[in-house]
Amino acid sequence: MSYQTTVGWSLITSGIVTLLLAYLPYPSFYWGIGLLVLGIVVFVLRRLS
């Protein structure tokens, strides 16, 4: 059950991020790197706790 919830949230989040990237002022490359780093940090912090 948690797998389906994770997939659902992942799809929703990726859709929102895709829409945001079209409107953000800096090149999407930098936002992509930033979001990737943020995702890794959140993942690591959740695994440690």
C-alpha atoms as a PDB file:
ATOM      1  CA  MET A   1       0.000   0.000   0.000  1.00  0.00           C
ATOM      2  CA  SER A   2       2.787   2.428   0.845  1.00  0.00           C
ATOM      3  CA  TYR A   3       4.335   1.729  -2.582  1.00  0.00           C
ATOM      4  CA  GLN A   4       1.212   2.999  -4.365  1.00  0.00           C
ATOM      5  CA  THR A   5       1.081   6.063  -2.130  1.00  0.00           C
ATOM      6  CA  THR A   6       4.750   6.794  -2.855  1.00  0.00           C
ATOM      7  CA  VAL A   7       4.216   6.461  -6.602  1.00  0.00           C
ATOM      8  CA  GLY A   8       1.160   8.720  -6.434  1.00  0.00           C
ATOM      9  CA  TRP A   9       2.965  11.451  -4.511  1.00  0.00           C
ATOM     10  CA  SER A  10       5.955  11.131  -6.827  1.00  0.00           C
ATOM     11  CA  LEU A  11       3.792  11.682  -9.910  1.00  0.00           C
ATOM     12  CA  ILE A  12       1.940  14.618  -8.354  1.00  0.00           C
ATOM     13  CA  THR A  13       5.174  16.236  -7.201  1.00  0.00           C
ATOM     14  CA  SER A  14       6.897  15.756 -10.550  1.00  0.00           C
ATOM     15  CA  GLY A  15       3.923  17.330 -12.301  1.00  0.00           C
ATOM     16  CA  ILE A  16       3.996  20.368 -10.014  1.00  0.00           C
ATOM     17  CA  VAL A  17       7.766  20.734 -10.396  1.00  0.00           C
ATOM     18  CA  THR A  18       7.468  20.502 -14.186  1.00  0.00           C
ATOM     19  CA  LEU A  19       4.920  23.332 -14.176  1.00  0.00           C
ATOM     20  CA  LEU A  20       7.090  25.427 -11.842  1.00  0.00           C
ATOM     21  CA  LEU A  21      10.206  24.996 -13.974  1.00  0.00           C
ATOM     22  CA  ALA A  22       8.451  26.731 -16.867  1.00  0.00           C
ATOM     23  CA  TYR A  23       7.911  29.876 -14.757  1.00  0.00           C
ATOM     24  CA  LEU A  24      10.991  30.093 -12.543  1.00  0.00           C
ATOM     25  CA  PRO A  25      13.437  32.886 -13.394  1.00  0.00           C
ATOM     26  CA  TYR A  26      16.732  30.960 -13.545  1.00  0.00           C
ATOM     27  CA  PRO A  27      17.601  28.188 -16.024  1.00  0.00           C
ATOM     28  CA  SER A  28      15.807  24.953 -15.166  1.00  0.00           C
ATOM     29  CA  PHE A  29      19.181  23.151 -15.028  1.00  0.00           C
ATOM     30  CA  TYR A  30      20.044  24.911 -11.750  1.00  0.00           C
ATOM     31  CA  TRP A  31      16.601  24.260 -10.272  1.00  0.00           C
ATOM     32  CA  GLY A  32      16.908  20.607 -11.279  1.00  0.00           C
ATOM     33  CA  ILE A  33      20.261  20.256  -9.510  1.00  0.00           C
ATOM     34  CA  GLY A  34      18.904  22.047  -6.436  1.00  0.00           C
ATOM     35  CA  LEU A  35      15.804  19.862  -6.243  1.00  0.00           C
ATOM     36  CA  LEU A  36      17.911  16.737  -6.729  1.00  0.00           C
ATOM     37  CA  VAL A  37      20.174  17.722  -3.834  1.00  0.00           C
ATOM     38  CA  LEU A  38      17.147  18.581  -1.673  1.00  0.00           C
ATOM     39  CA  GLY A  39      15.569  15.227  -2.459  1.00  0.00           C
ATOM     40  CA  ILE A  40      18.743  13.369  -1.505  1.00  0.00           C
ATOM     41  CA  VAL A  41      19.006  15.306   1.771  1.00  0.00           C
ATOM     42  CA  VAL A  42      15.374  14.543   2.677  1.00  0.00           C
ATOM     43  CA  PHE A  43      15.848  10.879   1.769  1.00  0.00           C
ATOM     44  CA  VAL A  44      18.995  10.568   3.909  1.00  0.00           C
ATOM     45  CA  LEU A  45      17.446  12.378   6.877  1.00  0.00           C
ATOM     46  CA  ARG A  46      14.368  10.123   6.791  1.00  0.00           C
ATOM     47  CA  ARG A  47      16.554   7.000   6.634  1.00  0.00           C
ATOM     48  CA  LEU A  48      18.601   8.159   9.643  1.00  0.00           C
ATOM     49  CA  SER A  49      15.615   8.961  11.863  1.00  0.00           C
END
